[in-house]
Amino acid sequence: ASIAASAEAEKNAMRLREKELAAVKINAAEVDIIANELELDKKVAERT
């Protein structure tokens, strides 16, 4: 029960973090520049 509660709390924290990150306004051009110049996947550049 303790493990299940801990896992549920961790899942909720991750959901909240993803929601916070999704609310951040970013410039698509900056994502492209970072992805191209550092040779990264666009998802990694956007997330960072």
All heavy atoms as atom14 arrays in JSON, in Angstrom:
{
  "sequence": "ASIAASAEAEKNAMRLREKELAAVKINAAEVDIIANELELDKKVAERT",
  "atom14_mask": [
    [1, 1, 1, 1, 1, 0, 0, 0, 0, 0, 0, 0, 0, 0],
    [1, 1, 1, 1, 1, 1, 0, 0, 0, 0, 0, 0, 0, 0],
    [1, 1, 1, 1, 1, 1, 1, 1, 0, 0, 0, 0, 0, 0],
    [1, 1, 1, 1, 1, 0, 0, 0, 0, 0, 0, 0, 0, 0],
    [1, 1, 1, 1, 1, 0, 0, 0, 0, 0, 0, 0, 0, 0],
    [1, 1, 1, 1, 1, 1, 0, 0, 0, 0, 0, 0, 0, 0],
    [1, 1, 1, 1, 1, 0, 0, 0, 0, 0, 0, 0, 0, 0],
    [1, 1, 1, 1, 1, 1, 1, 1, 1, 0, 0, 0, 0, 0],
    [1, 1, 1, 1, 1, 0, 0, 0, 0, 0, 0, 0, 0, 0],
    [1, 1, 1, 1, 1, 1, 1, 1, 1, 0, 0, 0, 0, 0],
    [1, 1, 1, 1, 1, 1, 1, 1, 1, 0, 0, 0, 0, 0],
    [1, 1, 1, 1, 1, 1, 1, 1, 0, 0, 0, 0, 0, 0],
    [1, 1, 1, 1, 1, 0, 0, 0, 0, 0, 0, 0, 0, 0],
    [1, 1, 1, 1, 1, 1, 1, 1, 0, 0, 0, 0, 0, 0],
    [1, 1, 1, 1, 1, 1, 1, 1, 1, 1, 1, 0, 0, 0],
    [1, 1, 1, 1, 1, 1, 1, 1, 0, 0, 0, 0, 0, 0],
    [1, 1, 1, 1, 1, 1, 1, 1, 1, 1, 1, 0, 0, 0],
    [1, 1, 1, 1, 1, 1, 1, 1, 1, 0, 0, 0, 0, 0],
    [1, 1, 1, 1, 1, 1, 1, 1, 1, 0, 0, 0, 0, 0],
    [1, 1, 1, 1, 1, 1, 1, 1, 1, 0, 0, 0, 0, 0],
    [1, 1, 1, 1, 1, 1, 1, 1, 0, 0, 0, 0, 0, 0],
    [1, 1, 1, 1, 1, 0, 0, 0, 0, 0, 0, 0, 0, 0],
    [1, 1, 1, 1, 1, 0, 0, 0, 0, 0, 0, 0, 0, 0],
    [1, 1, 1, 1, 1, 1, 1, 0, 0, 0, 0, 0, 0, 0],
    [1, 1, 1, 1, 1, 1, 1, 1, 1, 0, 0, 0, 0, 0],
    [1, 1, 1, 1, 1, 1, 1, 1, 0, 0, 0, 0, 0, 0],
    [1, 1, 1, 1, 1, 1, 1, 1, 0, 0, 0, 0, 0, 0],
    [1, 1, 1, 1, 1, 0, 0, 0, 0, 0, 0, 0, 0, 0],
    [1, 1, 1, 1, 1, 0, 0, 0, 0, 0, 0, 0, 0, 0],
    [1, 1, 1, 1, 1, 1, 1, 1, 1, 0, 0, 0, 0, 0],
    [1, 1, 1, 1, 1, 1, 1, 0, 0, 0, 0, 0, 0, 0],
    [1, 1, 1, 1, 1, 1, 1, 1, 0, 0, 0, 0, 0, 0],
    [1, 1, 1, 1, 1, 1, 1, 1, 0, 0, 0, 0, 0, 0],
    [1, 1, 1, 1, 1, 1, 1, 1, 0, 0, 0, 0, 0, 0],
    [1, 1, 1, 1, 1, 0, 0, 0, 0, 0, 0, 0, 0, 0],
    [1, 1, 1, 1, 1, 1, 1, 1, 0, 0, 0, 0, 0, 0],
    [1, 1, 1, 1, 1, 1, 1, 1, 1, 0, 0, 0, 0, 0],
    [1, 1, 1, 1, 1, 1, 1, 1, 0, 0, 0, 0, 0, 0],
    [1, 1, 1, 1, 1, 1, 1, 1, 1, 0, 0, 0, 0, 0],
    [1, 1, 1, 1, 1, 1, 1, 1, 0, 0, 0, 0, 0, 0],
    [1, 1, 1, 1, 1, 1, 1, 1, 0, 0, 0, 0, 0, 0],
    [1, 1, 1, 1, 1, 1, 1, 1, 1, 0, 0, 0, 0, 0],
    [1, 1, 1, 1, 1, 1, 1, 1, 1, 0, 0, 0, 0, 0],
    [1, 1, 1, 1, 1, 1, 1, 0, 0, 0, 0, 0, 0, 0],
    [1, 1, 1, 1, 1, 0, 0, 0, 0, 0, 0, 0, 0, 0],
    [1, 1, 1, 1, 1, 1, 1, 1, 1, 0, 0, 0, 0, 0],
    [1, 1, 1, 1, 1, 1, 1, 1, 1, 1, 1, 0, 0, 0],
    [1, 1, 1, 1, 1, 1, 1, 0, 0, 0, 0, 0, 0, 0]
  ],
  "atom14_positions": [
    [[0.84, -1.2, 0.0], [0.0, 0.0, 0.0], [0.87, 1.25, 0.0], [0.57, 2.22, -0.69], [-0.93, 0.0, 1.21], [0.0, 0.0, 0.0], [0.0, 0.0, 0.0], [0.0, 0.0, 0.0], [0.0, 0.0, 0.0], [0.0, 0.0, 0.0], [0.0, 0.0, 0.0], [0.0, 0.0, 0.0], [0.0, 0.0, 0.0], [0.0, 0.0, 0.0]],
    [[1.95, 1.21, 0.75], [2.87, 2.33, 0.8], [3.54, 2.57, -0.55], [3.65, 3.71, -1.0], [3.94, 2.07, 1.87], [4.88, 3.1, 1.9], [0.0, 0.0, 0.0], [0.0, 0.0, 0.0], [0.0, 0.0, 0.0], [0.0, 0.0, 0.0], [0.0, 0.0, 0.0], [0.0, 0.0, 0.0], [0.0, 0.0, 0.0], [0.0, 0.0, 0.0]],
    [[3.94, 1.5, -1.2], [4.56, 1.6, -2.53], [3.55, 2.16, -3.53], [3.89, 3.03, -4.34], [5.1, 0.23, -2.99], [6.31, -0.15, -2.14], [5.44, 0.24, -4.47], [6.77, -1.57, -2.33], [0.0, 0.0, 0.0], [0.0, 0.0, 0.0], [0.0, 0.0, 0.0], [0.0, 0.0, 0.0], [0.0, 0.0, 0.0], [0.0, 0.0, 0.0]],
    [[2.34, 1.67, -3.48], [1.3, 2.14, -4.39], [1.01, 3.63, -4.18], [0.87, 4.38, -5.15], [0.03, 1.32, -4.22], [0.0, 0.0, 0.0], [0.0, 0.0, 0.0], [0.0, 0.0, 0.0], [0.0, 0.0, 0.0], [0.0, 0.0, 0.0], [0.0, 0.0, 0.0], [0.0, 0.0, 0.0], [0.0, 0.0, 0.0], [0.0, 0.0, 0.0]],
    [[0.95, 4.04, -2.92], [0.7, 5.46, -2.62], [1.85, 6.33, -3.11], [1.64, 7.41, -3.66], [0.48, 5.65, -1.12], [0.0, 0.0, 0.0], [0.0, 0.0, 0.0], [0.0, 0.0, 0.0], [0.0, 0.0, 0.0], [0.0, 0.0, 0.0], [0.0, 0.0, 0.0], [0.0, 0.0, 0.0], [0.0, 0.0, 0.0], [0.0, 0.0, 0.0]],
    [[3.06, 5.85, -2.92], [4.23, 6.58, -3.37], [4.26, 6.7, -4.89], [4.55, 7.76, -5.44], [5.5, 5.87, -2.88], [6.64, 6.5, -3.37], [0.0, 0.0, 0.0], [0.0, 0.0, 0.0], [0.0, 0.0, 0.0], [0.0, 0.0, 0.0], [0.0, 0.0, 0.0], [0.0, 0.0, 0.0], [0.0, 0.0, 0.0], [0.0, 0.0, 0.0]],
    [[3.94, 5.62, -5.56], [3.9, 5.64, -7.03], [2.82, 6.59, -7.54], [3.03, 7.32, -8.51], [3.67, 4.23, -7.57], [0.0, 0.0, 0.0], [0.0, 0.0, 0.0], [0.0, 0.0, 0.0], [0.0, 0.0, 0.0], [0.0, 0.0, 0.0], [0.0, 0.0, 0.0], [0.0, 0.0, 0.0], [0.0, 0.0, 0.0], [0.0, 0.0, 0.0]],
    [[1.69, 6.59, -6.88], [0.6, 7.48, -7.27], [0.99, 8.94, -7.05], [0.72, 9.8, -7.9], [-0.68, 7.15, -6.48], [-1.89, 7.92, -6.91], [-2.35, 7.6, -8.32], [-2.11, 6.48, -8.8], [-2.94, 8.49, -8.95], [0.0, 0.0, 0.0], [0.0, 0.0, 0.0], [0.0, 0.0, 0.0], [0.0, 0.0, 0.0], [0.0, 0.0, 0.0]],
    [[1.66, 9.24, -5.94], [2.11, 10.6, -5.67], [3.13, 11.04, -6.71], [3.1, 12.19, -7.19], [2.7, 10.69, -4.27], [0.0, 0.0, 0.0], [0.0, 0.0, 0.0], [0.0, 0.0, 0.0], [0.0, 0.0, 0.0], [0.0, 0.0, 0.0], [0.0, 0.0, 0.0], [0.0, 0.0, 0.0], [0.0, 0.0, 0.0], [0.0, 0.0, 0.0]],
    [[4.02, 10.13, -7.07], [5.03, 10.44, -8.08], [4.38, 10.71, -9.44], [4.75, 11.63, -10.16], [6.03, 9.29, -8.19], [7.22, 9.61, -9.05], [8.26, 8.5, -9.0], [8.54, 7.98, -7.92], [8.78, 8.19, -10.09], [0.0, 0.0, 0.0], [0.0, 0.0, 0.0], [0.0, 0.0, 0.0], [0.0, 0.0, 0.0], [0.0, 0.0, 0.0]],
    [[3.38, 9.9, -9.78], [2.67, 10.06, -11.04], [1.94, 11.41, -11.07], [1.96, 12.11, -12.08], [1.66, 8.93, -11.22], [1.03, 8.9, -12.6], [-0.11, 7.9, -12.74], [0.29, 6.5, -12.47], [-0.85, 5.55, -12.68], [0.0, 0.0, 0.0], [0.0, 0.0, 0.0], [0.0, 0.0, 0.0], [0.0, 0.0, 0.0], [0.0, 0.0, 0.0]],
    [[1.33, 11.79, -9.95], [0.64, 13.08, -9.87], [1.63, 14.24, -10.0], [1.32, 15.24, -10.64], [-0.15, 13.19, -8.57], [-1.4, 12.33, -8.58], [-1.92, 11.99, -9.64], [-1.87, 11.96, -7.4], [0.0, 0.0, 0.0], [0.0, 0.0, 0.0], [0.0, 0.0, 0.0], [0.0, 0.0, 0.0], [0.0, 0.0, 0.0], [0.0, 0.0, 0.0]],
    [[2.79, 14.1, -9.37], [3.82, 15.14, -9.46], [4.3, 15.29, -10.9], [4.5, 16.42, -11.38], [4.97, 14.83, -8.53], [0.0, 0.0, 0.0], [0.0, 0.0, 0.0], [0.0, 0.0, 0.0], [0.0, 0.0, 0.0], [0.0, 0.0, 0.0], [0.0, 0.0, 0.0], [0.0, 0.0, 0.0], [0.0, 0.0, 0.0], [0.0, 0.0, 0.0]],
    [[4.48, 14.18, -11.59], [4.92, 14.23, -12.99], [3.86, 14.87, -13.87], [4.18, 15.68, -14.75], [5.25, 12.82, -13.5], [6.54, 12.26, -12.95], [6.89, 10.58, -13.5], [7.05, 10.83, -15.26], [0.0, 0.0, 0.0], [0.0, 0.0, 0.0], [0.0, 0.0, 0.0], [0.0, 0.0, 0.0], [0.0, 0.0, 0.0], [0.0, 0.0, 0.0]],
    [[2.59, 14.54, -13.61], [1.49, 15.14, -14.37], [1.46, 16.66, -14.16], [1.3, 17.42, -15.12], [0.16, 14.54, -13.91], [-0.57, 13.84, -15.03], [-1.94, 13.34, -14.61], [-1.81, 11.94, -14.24], [-2.29, 11.39, -13.13], [-2.97, 12.11, -12.28], [-2.12, 10.14, -12.88], [0.0, 0.0, 0.0], [0.0, 0.0, 0.0], [0.0, 0.0, 0.0]],
    [[1.64, 17.08, -12.92], [1.65, 18.51, -12.6], [2.82, 19.2, -13.29], [2.67, 20.29, -13.85], [1.72, 18.71, -11.08], [1.73, 20.14, -10.59], [0.46, 20.87, -11.01], [1.86, 20.18, -9.08], [0.0, 0.0, 0.0], [0.0, 0.0, 0.0], [0.0, 0.0, 0.0], [0.0, 0.0, 0.0], [0.0, 0.0, 0.0], [0.0, 0.0, 0.0]],
    [[4.0, 18.56, -13.26], [5.19, 19.13, -13.9], [4.97, 19.27, -15.41], [5.32, 20.29, -16.01], [6.41, 18.24, -13.62], [7.67, 18.67, -14.31], [8.26, 19.9, -13.68], [9.55, 20.18, -14.3], [9.99, 21.4, -14.54], [9.31, 22.43, -14.15], [11.15, 21.57, -15.12], [0.0, 0.0, 0.0], [0.0, 0.0, 0.0], [0.0, 0.0, 0.0]],
    [[4.39, 18.25, -16.04], [4.11, 18.31, -17.48], [3.13, 19.43, -17.8], [3.27, 20.12, -18.81], [3.58, 16.97, -17.99], [4.62, 15.87, -17.99], [5.83, 16.17, -18.85], [5.68, 16.74, -19.95], [6.95, 15.84, -18.4], [0.0, 0.0, 0.0], [0.0, 0.0, 0.0], [0.0, 0.0, 0.0], [0.0, 0.0, 0.0], [0.0, 0.0, 0.0]],
    [[2.16, 19.62, -16.92], [1.18, 20.69, -17.11], [1.86, 22.06, -17.02], [1.58, 22.95, -17.82], [0.09, 20.57, -16.04], [-1.2, 21.23, -16.36], [-2.18, 21.02, -15.23], [-3.45, 20.41, -15.74], [-4.47, 20.32, -14.7], [0.0, 0.0, 0.0], [0.0, 0.0, 0.0], [0.0, 0.0, 0.0], [0.0, 0.0, 0.0], [0.0, 0.0, 0.0]],
    [[2.76, 22.2, -16.05], [3.5, 23.46, -15.89], [4.37, 23.74, -17.12], [4.42, 24.87, -17.61], [4.39, 23.41, -14.64], [3.64, 23.45, -13.35], [4.53, 23.21, -12.14], [5.74, 22.9, -12.32], [4.03, 23.31, -11.01], [0.0, 0.0, 0.0], [0.0, 0.0, 0.0], [0.0, 0.0, 0.0], [0.0, 0.0, 0.0], [0.0, 0.0, 0.0]],
    [[5.05, 22.7, -17.6], [5.92, 22.88, -18.77], [5.1, 23.22, -20.01], [5.53, 24.02, -20.84], [6.76, 21.62, -19.02], [7.87, 21.36, -18.01], [8.56, 20.04, -18.33], [8.87, 22.49, -17.96], [0.0, 0.0, 0.0], [0.0, 0.0, 0.0], [0.0, 0.0, 0.0], [0.0, 0.0, 0.0], [0.0, 0.0, 0.0], [0.0, 0.0, 0.0]],
    [[3.94, 22.62, -20.14], [3.09, 22.89, -21.31], [2.6, 24.33, -21.32], [2.35, 24.9, -22.4], [1.91, 21.93, -21.34], [0.0, 0.0, 0.0], [0.0, 0.0, 0.0], [0.0, 0.0, 0.0], [0.0, 0.0, 0.0], [0.0, 0.0, 0.0], [0.0, 0.0, 0.0], [0.0, 0.0, 0.0], [0.0, 0.0, 0.0], [0.0, 0.0, 0.0]],
    [[2.49, 24.93, -20.15], [2.01, 26.3, -20.05], [3.09, 27.33, -20.4], [2.77, 28.49, -20.64], [1.49, 26.57, -18.64], [0.0, 0.0, 0.0], [0.0, 0.0, 0.0], [0.0, 0.0, 0.0], [0.0, 0.0, 0.0], [0.0, 0.0, 0.0], [0.0, 0.0, 0.0], [0.0, 0.0, 0.0], [0.0, 0.0, 0.0], [0.0, 0.0, 0.0]],
    [[4.35, 26.93, -20.46], [5.45, 27.86, -20.77], [5.38, 28.24, -22.26], [5.31, 27.37, -23.13], [6.82, 27.22, -20.44], [7.96, 28.12, -20.92], [6.94, 26.94, -18.97], [0.0, 0.0, 0.0], [0.0, 0.0, 0.0], [0.0, 0.0, 0.0], [0.0, 0.0, 0.0], [0.0, 0.0, 0.0], [0.0, 0.0, 0.0], [0.0, 0.0, 0.0]],
    [[5.4, 29.54, -22.51], [5.37, 30.04, -23.89], [6.79, 29.98, -24.45], [7.74, 30.46, -23.83], [4.88, 31.49, -23.93], [3.52, 31.7, -23.33], [2.44, 31.19, -24.25], [1.09, 31.52, -23.68], [0.1, 30.55, -23.94], [0.0, 0.0, 0.0], [0.0, 0.0, 0.0], [0.0, 0.0, 0.0], [0.0, 0.0, 0.0], [0.0, 0.0, 0.0]],
    [[6.92, 29.35, -25.62], [8.23, 29.27, -26.26], [8.1, 29.71, -27.71], [7.02, 29.67, -28.3], [8.83, 27.85, -26.19], [7.9, 26.81, -26.81], [9.19, 27.48, -24.77], [8.5, 25.44, -26.97], [0.0, 0.0, 0.0], [0.0, 0.0, 0.0], [0.0, 0.0, 0.0], [0.0, 0.0, 0.0], [0.0, 0.0, 0.0], [0.0, 0.0, 0.0]],
    [[9.23, 30.1, -28.27], [9.28, 30.54, -29.66], [9.68, 29.34, -30.52], [10.72, 28.73, -30.31], [10.31, 31.67, -29.77], [10.33, 32.31, -31.13], [9.9, 31.72, -32.12], [10.85, 33.53, -31.18], [0.0, 0.0, 0.0], [0.0, 0.0, 0.0], [0.0, 0.0, 0.0], [0.0, 0.0, 0.0], [0.0, 0.0, 0.0], [0.0, 0.0, 0.0]],
    [[8.87, 29.02, -31.49], [9.13, 27.87, -32.37], [10.44, 28.03, -33.13], [11.14, 27.05, -33.39], [7.97, 27.66, -33.32], [0.0, 0.0, 0.0], [0.0, 0.0, 0.0], [0.0, 0.0, 0.0], [0.0, 0.0, 0.0], [0.0, 0.0, 0.0], [0.0, 0.0, 0.0], [0.0, 0.0, 0.0], [0.0, 0.0, 0.0], [0.0, 0.0, 0.0]],
    [[10.77, 29.27, -33.48], [12.03, 29.53, -34.2], [13.22, 29.16, -33.32], [14.22, 28.62, -33.81], [12.1, 30.98, -34.63], [0.0, 0.0, 0.0], [0.0, 0.0, 0.0], [0.0, 0.0, 0.0], [0.0, 0.0, 0.0], [0.0, 0.0, 0.0], [0.0, 0.0, 0.0], [0.0, 0.0, 0.0], [0.0, 0.0, 0.0], [0.0, 0.0, 0.0]],
    [[13.11, 29.45, -32.03], [14.21, 29.11, -31.11], [14.36, 27.59, -30.99], [15.48, 27.08, -30.9], [13.98, 29.74, -29.75], [14.15, 31.26, -29.76], [13.83, 31.9, -28.42], [13.2, 31.25, -27.55], [14.21, 33.07, -28.24], [0.0, 0.0, 0.0], [0.0, 0.0, 0.0], [0.0, 0.0, 0.0], [0.0, 0.0, 0.0], [0.0, 0.0, 0.0]],
    [[13.25, 26.88, -30.98], [13.3, 25.42, -30.94], [14.04, 24.91, -32.17], [14.92, 24.05, -32.07], [11.88, 24.8, -30.87], [11.94, 23.29, -31.02], [11.19, 25.19, -29.58], [0.0, 0.0, 0.0], [0.0, 0.0, 0.0], [0.0, 0.0, 0.0], [0.0, 0.0, 0.0], [0.0, 0.0, 0.0], [0.0, 0.0, 0.0], [0.0, 0.0, 0.0]],
    [[13.7, 25.45, -33.34], [14.36, 25.02, -34.58], [15.85, 25.33, -34.56], [16.67, 24.49, -34.97], [13.7, 25.7, -35.79], [12.31, 25.19, -36.08], [12.0, 24.04, -35.67], [11.52, 25.93, -36.7], [0.0, 0.0, 0.0], [0.0, 0.0, 0.0], [0.0, 0.0, 0.0], [0.0, 0.0, 0.0], [0.0, 0.0, 0.0], [0.0, 0.0, 0.0]],
    [[16.2, 26.51, -34.1], [17.62, 26.89, -34.04], [18.39, 25.95, -33.12], [19.45, 25.44, -33.48], [17.78, 28.36, -33.58], [17.26, 29.3, -34.67], [19.23, 28.67, -33.24], [17.13, 30.74, -34.23], [0.0, 0.0, 0.0], [0.0, 0.0, 0.0], [0.0, 0.0, 0.0], [0.0, 0.0, 0.0], [0.0, 0.0, 0.0], [0.0, 0.0, 0.0]],
    [[17.86, 25.72, -31.93], [18.54, 24.84, -30.96], [18.66, 23.43, -31.54], [19.73, 22.82, -31.47], [17.79, 24.82, -29.6], [17.89, 26.19, -28.93], [18.35, 23.73, -28.69], [17.01, 26.35, -27.7], [0.0, 0.0, 0.0], [0.0, 0.0, 0.0], [0.0, 0.0, 0.0], [0.0, 0.0, 0.0], [0.0, 0.0, 0.0], [0.0, 0.0, 0.0]],
    [[17.59, 22.93, -32.11], [17.59, 21.57, -32.67], [18.6, 21.46, -33.81], [19.36, 20.49, -33.88], [16.2, 21.19, -33.14], [0.0, 0.0, 0.0], [0.0, 0.0, 0.0], [0.0, 0.0, 0.0], [0.0, 0.0, 0.0], [0.0, 0.0, 0.0], [0.0, 0.0, 0.0], [0.0, 0.0, 0.0], [0.0, 0.0, 0.0], [0.0, 0.0, 0.0]],
    [[18.62, 22.44, -34.69], [19.53, 22.39, -35.85], [20.99, 22.6, -35.45], [21.87, 21.87, -35.9], [19.12, 23.42, -36.9], [17.82, 23.05, -37.58], [17.46, 21.89, -37.67], [17.09, 24.05, -38.04], [0.0, 0.0, 0.0], [0.0, 0.0, 0.0], [0.0, 0.0, 0.0], [0.0, 0.0, 0.0], [0.0, 0.0, 0.0], [0.0, 0.0, 0.0]],
    [[21.24, 23.6, -34.66], [22.63, 23.93, -34.3], [23.27, 22.87, -33.41], [24.46, 22.61, -33.52], [22.7, 25.3, -33.63], [22.36, 26.45, -34.55], [23.29, 26.55, -35.76], [24.51, 26.37, -35.61], [22.77, 26.8, -36.87], [0.0, 0.0, 0.0], [0.0, 0.0, 0.0], [0.0, 0.0, 0.0], [0.0, 0.0, 0.0], [0.0, 0.0, 0.0]],
    [[22.5, 22.29, -32.51], [23.07, 21.29, -31.59], [22.78, 19.86, -32.06], [23.11, 18.91, -31.36], [22.53, 21.51, -30.18], [22.88, 22.86, -29.54], [22.27, 22.96, -28.16], [24.38, 23.07, -29.49], [0.0, 0.0, 0.0], [0.0, 0.0, 0.0], [0.0, 0.0, 0.0], [0.0, 0.0, 0.0], [0.0, 0.0, 0.0], [0.0, 0.0, 0.0]],
    [[22.17, 19.75, -33.24], [21.84, 18.45, -33.83], [21.06, 17.56, -32.85], [21.44, 16.45, -32.54], [23.11, 17.75, -34.32], [23.83, 18.52, -35.41], [25.1, 17.84, -35.87], [25.45, 16.77, -35.34], [25.74, 18.39, -36.78], [0.0, 0.0, 0.0], [0.0, 0.0, 0.0], [0.0, 0.0, 0.0], [0.0, 0.0, 0.0], [0.0, 0.0, 0.0]],
    [[19.95, 18.14, -32.39], [19.08, 17.44, -31.45], [17.72, 17.19, -32.07], [17.34, 17.86, -33.04], [18.86, 18.3, -30.19], [20.05, 18.61, -29.32], [19.65, 19.64, -28.27], [20.56, 17.36, -28.65], [0.0, 0.0, 0.0], [0.0, 0.0, 0.0], [0.0, 0.0, 0.0], [0.0, 0.0, 0.0], [0.0, 0.0, 0.0], [0.0, 0.0, 0.0]],
    [[17.01, 16.27, -31.48], [15.62, 16.06, -31.84], [14.83, 17.29, -31.39], [15.12, 17.89, -30.35], [15.1, 14.8, -31.13], [13.69, 14.46, -31.53], [13.43, 14.35, -32.75], [12.84, 14.31, -30.62], [0.0, 0.0, 0.0], [0.0, 0.0, 0.0], [0.0, 0.0, 0.0], [0.0, 0.0, 0.0], [0.0, 0.0, 0.0], [0.0, 0.0, 0.0]],
    [[13.85, 17.69, -32.17], [13.06, 18.88, -31.83], [12.36, 18.74, -30.48], [12.2, 19.71, -29.75], [12.05, 19.21, -32.92], [12.68, 19.85, -34.13], [11.62, 20.35, -35.08], [12.3, 21.08, -36.22], [11.34, 21.72, -37.11], [0.0, 0.0, 0.0], [0.0, 0.0, 0.0], [0.0, 0.0, 0.0], [0.0, 0.0, 0.0], [0.0, 0.0, 0.0]],
    [[11.95, 17.52, -30.15], [11.28, 17.3, -28.86], [12.22, 17.59, -27.7], [11.82, 18.16, -26.69], [10.74, 15.88, -28.77], [9.56, 15.63, -29.67], [9.04, 14.22, -29.52], [7.85, 14.0, -30.43], [7.26, 12.68, -30.26], [0.0, 0.0, 0.0], [0.0, 0.0, 0.0], [0.0, 0.0, 0.0], [0.0, 0.0, 0.0], [0.0, 0.0, 0.0]],
    [[13.48, 17.19, -27.84], [14.47, 17.44, -26.79], [14.73, 18.94, -26.68], [14.78, 19.49, -25.57], [15.8, 16.68, -27.07], [16.87, 17.08, -26.08], [15.56, 15.18, -27.05], [0.0, 0.0, 0.0], [0.0, 0.0, 0.0], [0.0, 0.0, 0.0], [0.0, 0.0, 0.0], [0.0, 0.0, 0.0], [0.0, 0.0, 0.0], [0.0, 0.0, 0.0]],
    [[14.86, 19.6, -27.81], [15.1, 21.04, -27.8], [13.91, 21.78, -27.18], [14.08, 22.68, -26.35], [15.33, 21.53, -29.23], [0.0, 0.0, 0.0], [0.0, 0.0, 0.0], [0.0, 0.0, 0.0], [0.0, 0.0, 0.0], [0.0, 0.0, 0.0], [0.0, 0.0, 0.0], [0.0, 0.0, 0.0], [0.0, 0.0, 0.0], [0.0, 0.0, 0.0]],
    [[12.7, 21.37, -27.56], [11.5, 22.01, -27.01], [11.4, 21.78, -25.51], [11.12, 22.71, -24.75], [10.26, 21.46, -27.71], [8.98, 22.09, -27.2], [7.74, 21.52, -27.88], [7.85, 20.98, -29.0], [6.66, 21.63, -27.27], [0.0, 0.0, 0.0], [0.0, 0.0, 0.0], [0.0, 0.0, 0.0], [0.0, 0.0, 0.0], [0.0, 0.0, 0.0]],
    [[11.62, 20.56, -25.08], [11.54, 20.23, -23.65], [12.55, 21.05, -22.85], [12.21, 21.61, -21.8], [11.79, 18.72, -23.46], [11.93, 18.26, -22.05], [10.61, 18.0, -21.45], [10.76, 17.57, -20.07], [9.8, 17.03, -19.39], [8.62, 16.85, -19.96], [9.96, 16.68, -18.15], [0.0, 0.0, 0.0], [0.0, 0.0, 0.0], [0.0, 0.0, 0.0]],
    [[13.78, 21.12, -23.34], [14.82, 21.87, -22.64], [14.47, 23.35, -22.59], [14.65, 24.0, -21.55], [16.19, 21.67, -23.33], [16.45, 20.27, -23.41], [17.29, 22.34, -22.54], [0.0, 0.0, 0.0], [0.0, 0.0, 0.0], [0.0, 0.0, 0.0], [0.0, 0.0, 0.0], [0.0, 0.0, 0.0], [0.0, 0.0, 0.0], [0.0, 0.0, 0.0]]
  ]
}
